[in-house]
């Protein structure tokens, strides 16, 4: 699970979204110790907004990559380029 979270944080960083690992870990520890600071509804709402931000930024990034690579000598699948950077820039 930790590797998945680390990968997600790295991918979000490529979208210029910064998630503080210390805050994330503190929240997880609070939950394990039954000392949650957010209600279930607050967590759902926060994750919903976060997911929407990721979707918007990913779509914008994909459009920018497509415009860049299809505008000149390049004709490259933007998803392949993004995957390359995710795999090689961590």
C-alpha atoms as a PDB file:
ATOM      1  CA  UNK A   1       0.000   0.000   0.000  1.00  0.00           C
ATOM      2  CA  UNK A   2       2.835   2.394   0.811  1.00  0.00           C
ATOM      3  CA  UNK A   3       4.349   1.954  -2.659  1.00  0.00           C
ATOM      4  CA  UNK A   4       0.976   2.754  -4.256  1.00  0.00           C
ATOM      5  CA  UNK A   5       0.640   5.917  -2.148  1.00  0.00           C
ATOM      6  CA  UNK A   6       4.212   6.948  -2.968  1.00  0.00           C
ATOM      7  CA  UNK A   7       3.530   6.437  -6.699  1.00  0.00           C
ATOM      8  CA  UNK A   8       0.340   8.505  -6.477  1.00  0.00           C
ATOM      9  CA  UNK A   9       2.167  11.334  -4.706  1.00  0.00           C
ATOM     10  CA  UNK A  10       4.871  11.292  -7.403  1.00  0.00           C
ATOM     11  CA  UNK A  11       2.278  11.357 -10.183  1.00  0.00           C
ATOM     12  CA  UNK A  12       0.402  14.220  -8.532  1.00  0.00           C
ATOM     13  CA  UNK A  13       3.662  16.123  -8.174  1.00  0.00           C
ATOM     14  CA  UNK A  14       3.992  15.971 -11.970  1.00  0.00           C
ATOM     15  CA  UNK A  15       0.626  17.769 -12.076  1.00  0.00           C
ATOM     16  CA  UNK A  16       2.004  20.410  -9.665  1.00  0.00           C
ATOM     17  CA  UNK A  17      -0.142  19.132  -6.822  1.00  0.00           C
ATOM     18  CA  UNK A  18       1.733  18.702  -3.585  1.00  0.00           C
ATOM     19  CA  UNK A  19       0.458  16.342  -0.936  1.00  0.00           C
ATOM     20  CA  UNK A  20       2.382  16.536   2.324  1.00  0.00           C
ATOM     21  CA  UNK A  21       3.334  12.981   3.305  1.00  0.00           C
ATOM     22  CA  UNK A  22       3.646  13.975   6.970  1.00  0.00           C
ATOM     23  CA  UNK A  23       0.070  15.260   7.054  1.00  0.00           C
ATOM     24  CA  UNK A  24      -1.155  12.152   5.251  1.00  0.00           C
ATOM     25  CA  UNK A  25       0.645   9.874   7.711  1.00  0.00           C
ATOM     26  CA  UNK A  26      -0.620  11.894  10.687  1.00  0.00           C
ATOM     27  CA  UNK A  27      -4.183  11.509   9.406  1.00  0.00           C
ATOM     28  CA  UNK A  28      -3.719   7.773   9.005  1.00  0.00           C
ATOM     29  CA  UNK A  29      -2.296   7.483  12.524  1.00  0.00           C
ATOM     30  CA  UNK A  30      -5.220   9.502  13.900  1.00  0.00           C
ATOM     31  CA  UNK A  31      -7.648   7.121  12.178  1.00  0.00           C
ATOM     32  CA  UNK A  32      -5.852   4.036  13.528  1.00  0.00           C
ATOM     33  CA  UNK A  33      -5.947   5.559  17.018  1.00  0.00           C
ATOM     34  CA  UNK A  34      -9.666   6.465  16.687  1.00  0.00           C
ATOM     35  CA  UNK A  35      -8.856  10.191  16.920  1.00  0.00           C
ATOM     36  CA  UNK A  36     -10.128  11.373  13.534  1.00  0.00           C
ATOM     37  CA  UNK A  37     -10.141  15.122  13.043  1.00  0.00           C
ATOM     38  CA  UNK A  38     -12.455  15.006  10.020  1.00  0.00           C
ATOM     39  CA  UNK A  39     -15.905  13.474   9.728  1.00  0.00           C
ATOM     40  CA  UNK A  40     -16.591  10.822   7.089  1.00  0.00           C
ATOM     41  CA  UNK A  41     -18.504  13.429   5.066  1.00  0.00           C
ATOM     42  CA  UNK A  42     -15.576  15.877   5.251  1.00  0.00           C
ATOM     43  CA  UNK A  43     -13.188  13.165   4.065  1.00  0.00           C
ATOM     44  CA  UNK A  44     -15.514  12.235   1.171  1.00  0.00           C
ATOM     45  CA  UNK A  45     -15.956  15.878   0.176  1.00  0.00           C
ATOM     46  CA  UNK A  46     -12.222  16.541   0.336  1.00  0.00           C
ATOM     47  CA  UNK A  47     -11.399  13.464  -1.746  1.00  0.00           C
ATOM     48  CA  UNK A  48     -14.100  14.377  -4.257  1.00  0.00           C
ATOM     49  CA  UNK A  49     -12.632  17.865  -4.739  1.00  0.00           C
ATOM     50  CA  UNK A  50      -9.123  16.411  -4.948  1.00  0.00           C
ATOM     51  CA  UNK A  51     -10.216  13.846  -7.570  1.00  0.00           C
ATOM     52  CA  UNK A  52     -11.837  16.597  -9.634  1.00  0.00           C
ATOM     53  CA  UNK A  53      -8.636  18.671  -9.481  1.00  0.00           C
ATOM     54  CA  UNK A  54      -6.609  15.675 -10.667  1.00  0.00           C
ATOM     55  CA  UNK A  55      -9.028  15.116 -13.569  1.00  0.00           C
ATOM     56  CA  UNK A  56      -8.914  18.766 -14.639  1.00  0.00           C
ATOM     57  CA  UNK A  57      -5.121  18.996 -14.421  1.00  0.00           C
ATOM     58  CA  UNK A  58      -4.610  15.660 -16.183  1.00  0.00           C
ATOM     59  CA  UNK A  59      -6.911  16.711 -19.017  1.00  0.00           C
ATOM     60  CA  UNK A  60      -5.092  20.054 -19.347  1.00  0.00           C
ATOM     61  CA  UNK A  61      -1.712  18.302 -19.347  1.00  0.00           C
ATOM     62  CA  UNK A  62      -2.845  15.826 -21.990  1.00  0.00           C
ATOM     63  CA  UNK A  63      -4.181  18.648 -24.204  1.00  0.00           C
ATOM     64  CA  UNK A  64      -0.915  20.576 -23.833  1.00  0.00           C
ATOM     65  CA  UNK A  65       1.157  17.504 -24.672  1.00  0.00           C
ATOM     66  CA  UNK A  66      -1.037  16.690 -27.659  1.00  0.00           C
ATOM     67  CA  UNK A  67      -0.793  20.260 -28.967  1.00  0.00           C
ATOM     68  CA  UNK A  68       2.960  20.328 -28.497  1.00  0.00           C
ATOM     69  CA  UNK A  69       3.767  17.004 -30.075  1.00  0.00           C
ATOM     70  CA  UNK A  70       1.259  17.254 -32.916  1.00  0.00           C
ATOM     71  CA  UNK A  71       2.163  20.825 -33.901  1.00  0.00           C
ATOM     72  CA  UNK A  72       5.595  20.267 -35.407  1.00  0.00           C
ATOM     73  CA  UNK A  73       7.783  17.446 -36.488  1.00  0.00           C
ATOM     74  CA  UNK A  74       6.505  15.324 -33.650  1.00  0.00           C
ATOM     75  CA  UNK A  75       3.540  13.003 -33.849  1.00  0.00           C
ATOM     76  CA  UNK A  76       3.657  11.181 -30.524  1.00  0.00           C
ATOM     77  CA  UNK A  77       0.948   9.768 -28.304  1.00  0.00           C
ATOM     78  CA  UNK A  78       0.836  12.149 -25.282  1.00  0.00           C
ATOM     79  CA  UNK A  79      -0.138   9.286 -22.962  1.00  0.00           C
ATOM     80  CA  UNK A  80       3.040   7.427 -23.911  1.00  0.00           C
ATOM     81  CA  UNK A  81       5.129  10.535 -23.202  1.00  0.00           C
ATOM     82  CA  UNK A  82       3.455  11.041 -19.829  1.00  0.00           C
ATOM     83  CA  UNK A  83       3.996   7.392 -18.914  1.00  0.00           C
ATOM     84  CA  UNK A  84       7.657   7.711 -19.891  1.00  0.00           C
ATOM     85  CA  UNK A  85       8.128  10.709 -17.597  1.00  0.00           C
ATOM     86  CA  UNK A  86       6.315   9.033 -14.719  1.00  0.00           C
ATOM     87  CA  UNK A  87       8.468   5.913 -15.092  1.00  0.00           C
ATOM     88  CA  UNK A  88      11.772   7.753 -15.517  1.00  0.00           C
ATOM     89  CA  UNK A  89      11.544  10.944 -13.499  1.00  0.00           C
ATOM     90  CA  UNK A  90      10.827   9.669  -9.996  1.00  0.00           C
END
